[in-house]
Amino acid sequence: MNFEFFVVKRLIGGKDHKSSISAPIIKIAIAAIAIGVVMMLVSFATGLGLQEKIRDKIAAFNGHINISNYDNNSSQVTLTPVDKNQEFYPEFNSIDGIAHVQAVATKFGIIRTETDFEGVVVKGVGTDYNWSYFKDFLVEGELPNVEDKLNDEVIISSYLANRLQLSVGDKVPTYFLRDGSERPLTRGFVITGIYDSGFMEFDKLYVLADIRHIQRLNRWEANQVGNFEIFLDDFNEIDIKGQEVYENTGSFLDTQTITQNYYSIFEWLALFDFNIALIIGIMILVAGINMITALLVLILERTQMIGILKALGGNDWSIRKIFLYNAGYLIVKGLFWGNLIGLGLLLIQKYFKLIPLNPATYYVTEVPVYLNWDYIFAVNLGTLVLCMLMLIIPSVIISKISPSRAIKFE
C-alpha cells in the first residue's frame, strides 16, 4: 500500500489539487481553523488577563485574606485594634502557601483645600508593607518613606489629585474625628507621589501614609494595629487557605477573603470562564464542520481513485487513514496561521496597549493580555484532536464505496 498511499497523497495535495473543485472549500476550512484558533487564543488571553488584573488590584488594597477583630463594624476602617504580637506575624509558618503578612490600619479623614474638600480613607502602612503593586501604579513622584522616623509623606491617587487640583510636593491639610474630642484633629500631609490603579472604587478613596499617624490619632499603643493583610502564593487556593487561616488564628479574630468581601465582582469575573468555554465550543464546532465538509468533498472528488485502490486490494481503514492524514495536514496548516495571527495580535496589544477600556466598567484602562504556554498548547492540541475525532465518522463513507461503481463514477 506504500505506492498507493504516495500516489493518493500526491493527487490530493499536489498541483492538480489547486485547480480542483475542492480547492476553495479547503481554503475555507483552513481559514475556519485559523480564525477559530485566533478567537480562542484571544478569549483565553483577554479573559484570564482581565481576571488576573482585577484580582491583583483588589489584592493591592486589601491583601488576599484579612484578619481583624470581631466587631459589628462593616465600614472601610477598623475601630477595634488588634495586638501586633501574634503567632502568625510576621511569618505565618503554620500554613504553607503564605507569601507575606503585613500590619495596617485605616481611618476616615477629610482633605480640605482652599476651593474644595474630599472624604478619604487614610491607610497607615509600616516597614513590612508590600509596595510591589504600587510601584506599578505610581505615575508621578515616589513612594512615601516609612522606614525612618515619622514624617508627613503620603501618596494619593491621580483621581484625587485632579479632583482637588493637587500635585507632588503640595501640602494637604487632612481632618480627622476622634472619640472624646469635639474639635477635629489636623495633619498636614505632604504629597510625595501620585498613583493610578485604574480601579476607581479604590482610587477615589485611599491615601497611603505612615501607620504611626493612625496609631497616634486613635491613641493606640505601638503594638496595636487595625488588621493584618495576608498574601498567598497561589490565588486559586484562596478559599482553602482562608479556612486554614481562620482555623489557625485566635477565637477572638475574624478572617475574611477578598472573594467574600467583594463577592459581586468575583461572581462577575467567574462569568468569564463560562464565556471562554462557550467561545471555544462554538469555534471548535465551526472548524470541525468545515473540515467535515472539506473531507467529504475530497472523498467525492477522488471516488474513482478509492475504487481503484480497493480493486488493487486496499482495505477501507488504510484508505480512510490517507484522507485523515491529509485532513490532519490541513488542520495543522490552519493552526499555524491561527497561532501566527493570534499571538501576533496579542503581543501587539500587550506591549503597545492599542485597545482601551472604560475603567468605570472594567476596572482597567486597556485590554489586559495574559500569555501562558499551558493554554496555548491546550488550544492547539485540543483543536487538532477534537477535529480529527469529528472526521472519523464521515470518513466511514469510504467503506460504502463499491469498486465497480466507483471506477465508472463521473
Protein backbone atom coordinates (compact mmCIF):
# COMPACT_ATOMS: atom_id res chain seq x y z
CA MET A 1 0.00 0.00 0.00
CA ASN A 2 3.01 2.39 0.21
CA PHE A 3 2.86 3.12 -3.50
CA GLU A 4 -0.89 3.74 -3.50
CA PHE A 5 -0.53 5.90 -0.39
CA PHE A 6 2.12 8.01 -2.12
CA VAL A 7 0.04 8.38 -5.29
CA VAL A 8 -3.12 9.44 -3.45
CA LYS A 9 -1.21 11.87 -1.23
CA ARG A 10 0.28 13.50 -4.30
CA LEU A 11 -3.08 13.65 -6.07
CA ILE A 12 -4.91 15.03 -3.01
CA GLY A 13 -2.27 17.56 -2.02
CA GLY A 14 -0.48 18.07 -5.32
CA LYS A 15 -0.61 20.72 -8.03
CA ASP A 16 -3.80 19.38 -9.66
CA HIS A 17 -5.48 19.81 -6.30
CA LYS A 18 -5.11 23.60 -6.55
CA SER A 19 -7.33 23.76 -9.62
CA SER A 20 -9.85 21.18 -8.41
CA ILE A 21 -13.41 21.76 -7.20
CA SER A 22 -12.30 21.18 -3.60
CA ALA A 23 -9.64 23.95 -3.64
CA PRO A 24 -11.88 26.83 -2.43
CA ILE A 25 -13.60 24.58 0.13
CA ILE A 26 -10.25 23.52 1.55
CA LYS A 27 -9.14 27.16 1.77
CA ILE A 28 -12.33 27.97 3.65
CA ALA A 29 -11.73 25.05 6.02
CA ILE A 30 -8.14 26.20 6.72
CA ALA A 31 -9.39 29.77 7.25
CA ALA A 32 -12.07 28.49 9.66
CA ILE A 33 -9.42 26.65 11.69
CA ALA A 34 -7.18 29.75 11.74
CA ILE A 35 -10.00 32.12 12.74
CA GLY A 36 -11.15 29.70 15.41
CA VAL A 37 -7.68 29.48 16.91
CA VAL A 38 -7.35 33.28 16.86
CA MET A 39 -10.69 33.65 18.66
CA MET A 40 -9.81 31.00 21.26
CA LEU A 41 -6.37 32.50 21.98
CA VAL A 42 -7.82 36.00 22.28
CA SER A 43 -10.60 34.71 24.56
CA PHE A 44 -8.15 32.94 26.85
CA ALA A 45 -5.57 35.76 26.91
CA THR A 46 -8.02 38.61 27.50
CA GLY A 47 -10.41 36.73 29.79
CA LEU A 48 -7.65 35.38 32.04
CA GLY A 49 -5.79 38.68 31.76
CA LEU A 50 -8.79 40.65 32.97
CA GLN A 51 -9.37 38.23 35.86
CA GLU A 52 -5.74 38.39 36.93
CA LYS A 53 -5.50 42.18 36.61
CA ILE A 54 -8.64 42.86 38.65
CA ARG A 55 -7.65 40.29 41.30
CA ASP A 56 -4.24 41.94 41.65
CA LYS A 57 -5.76 45.39 42.01
CA ILE A 58 -8.17 44.29 44.72
CA ALA A 59 -5.32 42.46 46.49
CA ALA A 60 -3.11 45.55 46.28
CA PHE A 61 -5.51 47.45 48.53
CA ASN A 62 -6.76 44.57 50.71
CA GLY A 63 -4.42 41.60 50.52
CA HIS A 64 -5.89 38.17 49.74
CA ILE A 65 -7.04 37.44 53.30
CA ASN A 66 -7.87 39.96 56.00
CA ILE A 67 -7.58 39.29 59.75
CA SER A 68 -9.26 41.68 62.19
CA ASN A 69 -11.11 41.77 65.49
CA TYR A 70 -14.70 40.60 65.70
CA ASP A 71 -16.98 43.65 65.85
CA ASN A 72 -20.16 44.97 64.26
CA ASN A 73 -18.26 47.44 62.10
CA SER A 74 -18.80 46.95 58.35
CA SER A 75 -17.06 50.11 57.15
CA GLN A 76 -13.68 50.55 55.45
CA VAL A 77 -11.97 51.28 58.78
CA THR A 78 -11.31 49.10 61.81
CA LEU A 79 -12.40 50.62 65.10
CA THR A 80 -11.08 47.94 67.47
CA PRO A 81 -7.29 47.48 67.41
CA VAL A 82 -5.53 44.13 67.20
CA ASP A 83 -2.41 43.29 69.16
CA LYS A 84 0.54 43.05 66.79
CA ASN A 85 2.15 40.29 68.84
CA GLN A 86 0.59 37.27 67.13
CA GLU A 87 1.99 33.82 66.40
CA PHE A 88 1.28 34.28 62.70
CA TYR A 89 3.11 37.63 62.48
CA PRO A 90 5.47 38.46 60.82
CA GLU A 91 5.74 34.90 59.38
CA PHE A 92 2.74 32.57 59.07
CA ASN A 93 4.83 29.41 59.39
CA SER A 94 1.99 27.09 60.39
CA ILE A 95 0.44 27.24 56.89
CA ASP A 96 2.14 26.58 53.56
CA GLY A 97 1.45 28.91 50.66
CA ILE A 98 1.50 32.18 52.65
CA ALA A 99 3.73 34.64 50.80
CA HIS A 100 3.54 37.70 53.06
CA VAL A 101 1.82 39.13 56.14
CA GLN A 102 1.58 42.87 56.79
CA ALA A 103 0.01 45.00 59.52
CA VAL A 104 -2.07 48.06 58.51
CA ALA A 105 -4.61 50.49 59.95
CA THR A 106 -7.20 52.78 58.35
CA LYS A 107 -9.07 55.90 59.40
CA PHE A 108 -11.62 58.18 57.79
CA GLY A 109 -10.48 61.72 57.05
CA ILE A 110 -11.35 64.80 55.03
CA ILE A 111 -8.87 66.54 52.75
CA ARG A 112 -9.66 70.23 52.55
CA THR A 113 -8.20 72.74 50.10
CA GLU A 114 -8.97 76.41 49.56
CA THR A 115 -11.64 75.58 46.98
CA ASP A 116 -12.85 72.04 47.70
CA PHE A 117 -12.82 69.05 50.04
CA GLU A 118 -13.00 65.27 49.70
CA GLY A 119 -13.64 62.40 52.11
CA VAL A 120 -10.88 59.76 52.08
CA VAL A 121 -9.62 56.70 53.93
CA VAL A 122 -6.07 57.17 55.11
CA LYS A 123 -4.39 53.77 55.16
CA GLY A 124 -1.45 53.53 57.52
CA VAL A 125 1.34 51.17 56.47
CA GLY A 126 4.63 50.20 58.09
CA THR A 127 8.03 48.82 57.24
CA ASP A 128 6.51 45.41 56.45
CA TYR A 129 4.25 46.77 53.70
CA ASN A 130 4.42 45.15 50.25
CA TRP A 131 4.92 48.05 47.79
CA SER A 132 5.28 45.87 44.67
CA TYR A 133 1.79 46.67 43.39
CA PHE A 134 2.04 50.41 43.98
CA LYS A 135 5.39 50.57 42.19
CA ASP A 136 3.45 49.57 39.08
CA PHE A 137 0.64 52.04 39.85
CA LEU A 138 2.94 55.00 40.51
CA VAL A 139 2.65 57.62 37.75
CA GLU A 140 4.44 60.56 39.35
CA GLY A 141 6.82 61.19 42.24
CA GLU A 142 7.96 58.46 44.63
CA LEU A 143 6.64 56.21 47.38
CA PRO A 144 6.50 57.58 50.96
CA ASN A 145 9.33 56.74 53.32
CA VAL A 146 8.00 54.71 56.25
CA GLU A 147 11.36 53.19 57.17
CA ASP A 148 12.86 56.08 59.14
CA LYS A 149 11.40 58.42 61.72
CA LEU A 150 7.79 59.54 61.46
CA ASN A 151 7.16 62.00 58.62
CA ASP A 152 4.18 63.51 56.77
CA GLU A 153 4.74 61.86 53.37
CA VAL A 154 1.71 60.36 51.60
CA ILE A 155 0.70 59.17 48.14
CA ILE A 156 -2.71 59.92 46.68
CA SER A 157 -4.48 58.79 43.52
CA SER A 158 -4.49 60.75 40.28
CA TYR A 159 -8.29 60.98 40.65
CA LEU A 160 -7.97 62.83 43.97
CA ALA A 161 -5.08 64.93 42.66
CA ASN A 162 -7.16 66.09 39.68
CA ARG A 163 -10.31 66.47 41.75
CA LEU A 164 -8.59 68.70 44.34
CA GLN A 165 -6.06 70.25 41.93
CA LEU A 166 -3.07 68.89 43.83
CA SER A 167 0.38 67.85 42.66
CA VAL A 168 3.57 66.31 44.05
CA GLY A 169 5.06 68.49 46.77
CA ASP A 170 1.78 70.08 47.82
CA LYS A 171 0.77 70.12 51.47
CA VAL A 172 -2.72 68.82 52.14
CA PRO A 173 -4.48 69.57 55.44
CA THR A 174 -6.44 66.46 56.47
CA TYR A 175 -9.02 66.47 59.26
CA PHE A 176 -9.90 63.51 61.49
CA LEU A 177 -12.53 62.94 64.17
CA ARG A 178 -11.57 61.23 67.40
CA ASP A 179 -13.76 59.86 70.17
CA GLY A 180 -13.94 62.20 73.15
CA SER A 181 -12.83 65.22 71.16
CA GLU A 182 -15.23 67.87 69.87
CA ARG A 183 -12.71 69.51 67.57
CA PRO A 184 -11.28 67.62 64.58
CA LEU A 185 -7.59 66.75 64.60
CA THR A 186 -5.47 68.05 61.75
CA ARG A 187 -2.48 66.54 59.97
CA GLY A 188 -0.59 68.43 57.29
CA PHE A 189 0.45 65.67 54.89
CA VAL A 190 2.86 66.28 52.02
CA ILE A 191 2.25 64.53 48.68
CA THR A 192 5.36 62.63 47.56
CA GLY A 193 3.72 60.51 44.86
CA ILE A 194 0.61 60.02 42.75
CA TYR A 195 -0.70 56.58 41.79
CA ASP A 196 -3.31 55.37 39.30
CA SER A 197 -4.57 51.81 39.72
CA GLY A 198 -7.44 52.23 37.28
CA PHE A 199 -9.78 50.78 39.92
CA MET A 200 -11.91 53.84 40.55
CA GLU A 201 -13.64 52.35 43.60
CA PHE A 202 -10.28 52.42 45.42
CA ASP A 203 -8.68 55.41 43.70
CA LYS A 204 -11.50 57.65 44.94
CA LEU A 205 -10.87 56.56 48.50
CA TYR A 206 -7.37 55.60 49.55
CA VAL A 207 -4.45 57.76 50.69
CA LEU A 208 -1.39 55.89 51.96
CA ALA A 209 0.59 57.22 54.92
CA ASP A 210 2.75 56.05 57.82
CA ILE A 211 0.83 53.76 60.19
CA ARG A 212 2.19 55.67 63.18
CA HIS A 213 -0.11 58.58 62.27
CA ILE A 214 -3.16 56.34 62.65
CA GLN A 215 -1.87 54.92 65.93
CA ARG A 216 -1.41 58.41 67.36
CA LEU A 217 -4.77 59.66 66.11
CA ASN A 218 -6.53 56.67 67.70
CA ARG A 219 -4.38 56.80 70.85
CA TRP A 220 -3.20 53.26 70.25
CA GLU A 221 -0.04 51.67 71.56
CA ALA A 222 2.87 50.98 69.23
CA ASN A 223 1.99 47.27 69.17
CA GLN A 224 -1.66 47.88 68.16
CA VAL A 225 -2.80 47.81 64.54
CA GLY A 226 -6.10 47.82 62.70
CA ASN A 227 -5.82 44.49 60.88
CA PHE A 228 -3.47 42.09 59.10
CA GLU A 229 -3.37 41.51 55.34
CA ILE A 230 -2.17 38.16 54.03
CA PHE A 231 -0.88 37.48 50.51
CA LEU A 232 -0.91 33.98 49.01
CA ASP A 233 1.45 32.27 46.59
CA ASP A 234 -1.49 30.86 44.60
CA PHE A 235 -4.74 32.82 44.36
CA ASN A 236 -6.62 29.70 43.21
CA GLU A 237 -6.26 28.30 46.74
CA ILE A 238 -7.81 31.33 48.41
CA ASP A 239 -10.89 29.50 49.74
CA ILE A 240 -8.83 26.63 51.16
CA LYS A 241 -6.20 28.92 52.65
CA GLY A 242 -8.85 31.26 54.01
CA GLN A 243 -10.34 28.39 56.01
CA GLU A 244 -6.89 27.27 57.19
CA VAL A 245 -6.04 30.80 58.32
CA TYR A 246 -9.34 31.00 60.20
CA GLU A 247 -8.58 27.74 62.00
CA ASN A 248 -5.05 28.84 62.89
CA THR A 249 -5.91 32.22 64.42
CA GLY A 250 -7.35 33.03 67.81
CA SER A 251 -11.06 32.72 68.54
CA PHE A 252 -11.29 36.48 69.02
CA LEU A 253 -10.10 37.17 65.44
CA ASP A 254 -12.20 37.17 62.28
CA THR A 255 -10.95 36.11 58.85
CA GLN A 256 -12.34 37.31 55.51
CA THR A 257 -11.08 36.67 51.98
CA ILE A 258 -11.40 39.25 49.21
CA THR A 259 -13.73 36.86 47.37
CA GLN A 260 -16.10 37.20 50.33
CA ASN A 261 -15.70 40.95 50.77
CA TYR A 262 -16.06 41.66 47.03
CA TYR A 263 -18.43 38.85 46.17
CA SER A 264 -20.25 40.61 43.30
CA ILE A 265 -17.00 41.47 41.50
CA PHE A 266 -15.67 37.91 41.69
CA GLU A 267 -19.04 36.49 40.62
CA TRP A 268 -18.81 38.76 37.58
CA LEU A 269 -15.25 37.55 36.91
CA ALA A 270 -16.42 33.92 37.16
CA LEU A 271 -18.71 34.55 34.18
CA PHE A 272 -15.61 34.93 32.03
CA ASP A 273 -14.86 31.21 32.49
CA PHE A 274 -18.27 30.35 31.04
CA ASN A 275 -17.81 32.81 28.17
CA ILE A 276 -14.40 31.36 27.32
CA ALA A 277 -15.77 27.80 27.36
CA LEU A 278 -18.71 28.85 25.16
CA ILE A 279 -16.45 30.54 22.59
CA ILE A 280 -14.11 27.54 22.49
CA GLY A 281 -17.03 25.15 21.98
CA ILE A 282 -18.51 27.22 19.15
CA MET A 283 -15.15 27.73 17.39
CA ILE A 284 -14.22 24.03 17.51
CA LEU A 285 -17.70 23.07 16.27
CA VAL A 286 -17.49 25.52 13.34
CA ALA A 287 -13.95 24.41 12.48
CA GLY A 288 -14.97 20.75 12.72
CA ILE A 289 -17.99 21.20 10.44
CA ASN A 290 -15.85 22.98 7.85
CA MET A 291 -13.28 20.19 7.97
CA ILE A 292 -16.03 17.56 7.62
CA THR A 293 -17.31 19.38 4.54
CA ALA A 294 -13.81 19.57 3.07
CA LEU A 295 -13.20 15.87 3.74
CA LEU A 296 -16.48 14.81 2.12
CA VAL A 297 -15.70 16.89 -0.97
CA LEU A 298 -12.23 15.33 -1.16
CA ILE A 299 -13.72 11.84 -0.90
CA LEU A 300 -16.34 12.52 -3.58
CA GLU A 301 -13.75 14.14 -5.83
CA ARG A 302 -11.46 11.10 -5.54
CA THR A 303 -14.13 8.41 -5.71
CA GLN A 304 -12.56 6.76 -8.78
CA MET A 305 -9.17 6.53 -7.03
CA ILE A 306 -10.78 4.98 -3.98
CA GLY A 307 -12.37 2.37 -6.26
CA ILE A 308 -9.04 1.66 -7.97
CA LEU A 309 -7.23 1.24 -4.64
CA LYS A 310 -9.95 -1.11 -3.41
CA ALA A 311 -9.69 -3.10 -6.65
CA LEU A 312 -5.92 -3.37 -6.05
CA GLY A 313 -6.59 -4.86 -2.60
CA GLY A 314 -6.59 -1.81 -0.35
CA ASN A 315 -8.77 -2.15 2.75
CA ASP A 316 -11.20 0.50 3.96
CA TRP A 317 -9.23 1.61 7.04
CA SER A 318 -5.94 2.12 5.15
CA ILE A 319 -7.71 4.31 2.58
CA ARG A 320 -9.56 6.21 5.32
CA LYS A 321 -6.21 6.91 7.01
CA ILE A 322 -4.90 8.50 3.80
CA PHE A 323 -7.74 11.04 3.81
CA LEU A 324 -7.49 11.55 7.57
CA TYR A 325 -3.76 12.22 7.32
CA ASN A 326 -4.41 14.80 4.63
CA ALA A 327 -7.16 16.39 6.76
CA GLY A 328 -4.73 16.46 9.69
CA TYR A 329 -2.21 18.31 7.50
CA LEU A 330 -4.86 20.90 6.64
CA ILE A 331 -5.74 21.31 10.35
CA VAL A 332 -2.07 21.82 11.26
CA LYS A 333 -1.81 24.40 8.50
CA GLY A 334 -4.80 26.25 9.94
CA LEU A 335 -3.28 26.00 13.42
CA PHE A 336 -0.04 27.53 12.17
CA TRP A 337 -1.73 30.57 10.65
CA GLY A 338 -4.08 30.90 13.61
CA ASN A 339 -1.20 30.94 16.10
CA LEU A 340 0.82 33.33 13.96
CA ILE A 341 -2.02 35.84 13.66
CA GLY A 342 -3.47 35.35 17.16
CA LEU A 343 -0.22 35.55 19.10
CA GLY A 344 0.91 38.45 16.92
CA LEU A 345 -2.22 40.46 17.76
CA LEU A 346 -1.93 39.61 21.46
CA LEU A 347 1.74 40.65 21.63
CA ILE A 348 0.92 43.95 19.92
CA GLN A 349 -1.81 44.64 22.49
CA LYS A 350 0.39 43.51 25.39
CA TYR A 351 3.26 45.87 24.58
CA PHE A 352 1.56 48.75 22.75
CA LYS A 353 -1.86 48.77 24.53
CA LEU A 354 -3.79 49.87 21.43
CA ILE A 355 -7.28 48.87 22.62
CA PRO A 356 -8.54 50.92 25.62
CA LEU A 357 -11.30 50.04 28.07
CA ASN A 358 -13.52 52.16 30.27
CA PRO A 359 -12.14 51.76 33.85
CA ALA A 360 -15.54 52.68 35.30
CA THR A 361 -16.93 49.47 33.79
CA TYR A 362 -13.99 47.07 33.54
CA TYR A 363 -11.66 48.40 36.30
CA VAL A 364 -8.76 48.56 33.81
CA THR A 365 -7.71 51.21 31.30
CA GLU A 366 -6.77 48.84 28.45
CA VAL A 367 -7.44 45.27 27.39
CA PRO A 368 -5.08 43.13 29.52
CA VAL A 369 -3.27 40.19 27.93
CA TYR A 370 -2.18 37.07 29.81
CA LEU A 371 0.09 34.73 27.84
CA ASN A 372 0.82 31.24 29.10
CA TRP A 373 2.18 28.26 27.20
CA ASP A 374 -0.21 25.90 29.03
CA TYR A 375 -3.42 27.19 27.45
CA ILE A 376 -1.70 27.88 24.09
CA PHE A 377 -0.64 24.22 23.92
CA ALA A 378 -4.07 23.08 25.14
CA VAL A 379 -5.87 25.12 22.44
CA ASN A 380 -3.73 23.66 19.67
CA LEU A 381 -3.78 20.07 20.89
CA GLY A 382 -7.50 20.20 21.73
CA THR A 383 -8.41 21.64 18.32
CA LEU A 384 -6.33 19.01 16.48
CA VAL A 385 -7.64 16.05 18.49
CA LEU A 386 -11.32 17.08 18.52
CA CYS A 387 -11.38 17.93 14.80
CA MET A 388 -9.72 14.61 13.94
CA LEU A 389 -12.25 12.73 16.09
CA MET A 390 -15.08 14.54 14.30
CA LEU A 391 -13.63 13.46 10.94
CA ILE A 392 -13.54 9.75 11.75
CA ILE A 393 -17.31 9.34 11.39
CA PRO A 394 -17.74 10.97 7.92
CA SER A 395 -14.73 9.03 6.64
CA VAL A 396 -16.86 5.89 7.04
CA ILE A 397 -18.40 6.81 3.67
CA ILE A 398 -15.27 5.31 2.07
CA SER A 399 -16.30 1.84 3.22
CA LYS A 400 -19.63 2.31 1.41
CA ILE A 401 -17.98 2.91 -1.96
CA SER A 402 -18.15 -0.05 -4.32
CA PRO A 403 -15.03 -0.52 -6.52
CA SER A 404 -17.01 -1.36 -9.67
CA ARG A 405 -19.29 1.67 -9.34
CA ALA A 406 -16.51 3.98 -8.23
CA ILE A 407 -14.34 3.23 -11.28
CA LYS A 408 -17.30 4.20 -13.52
CA PHE A 409 -18.04 7.32 -11.38
CA GLU A 410 -18.01 10.63 -13.30
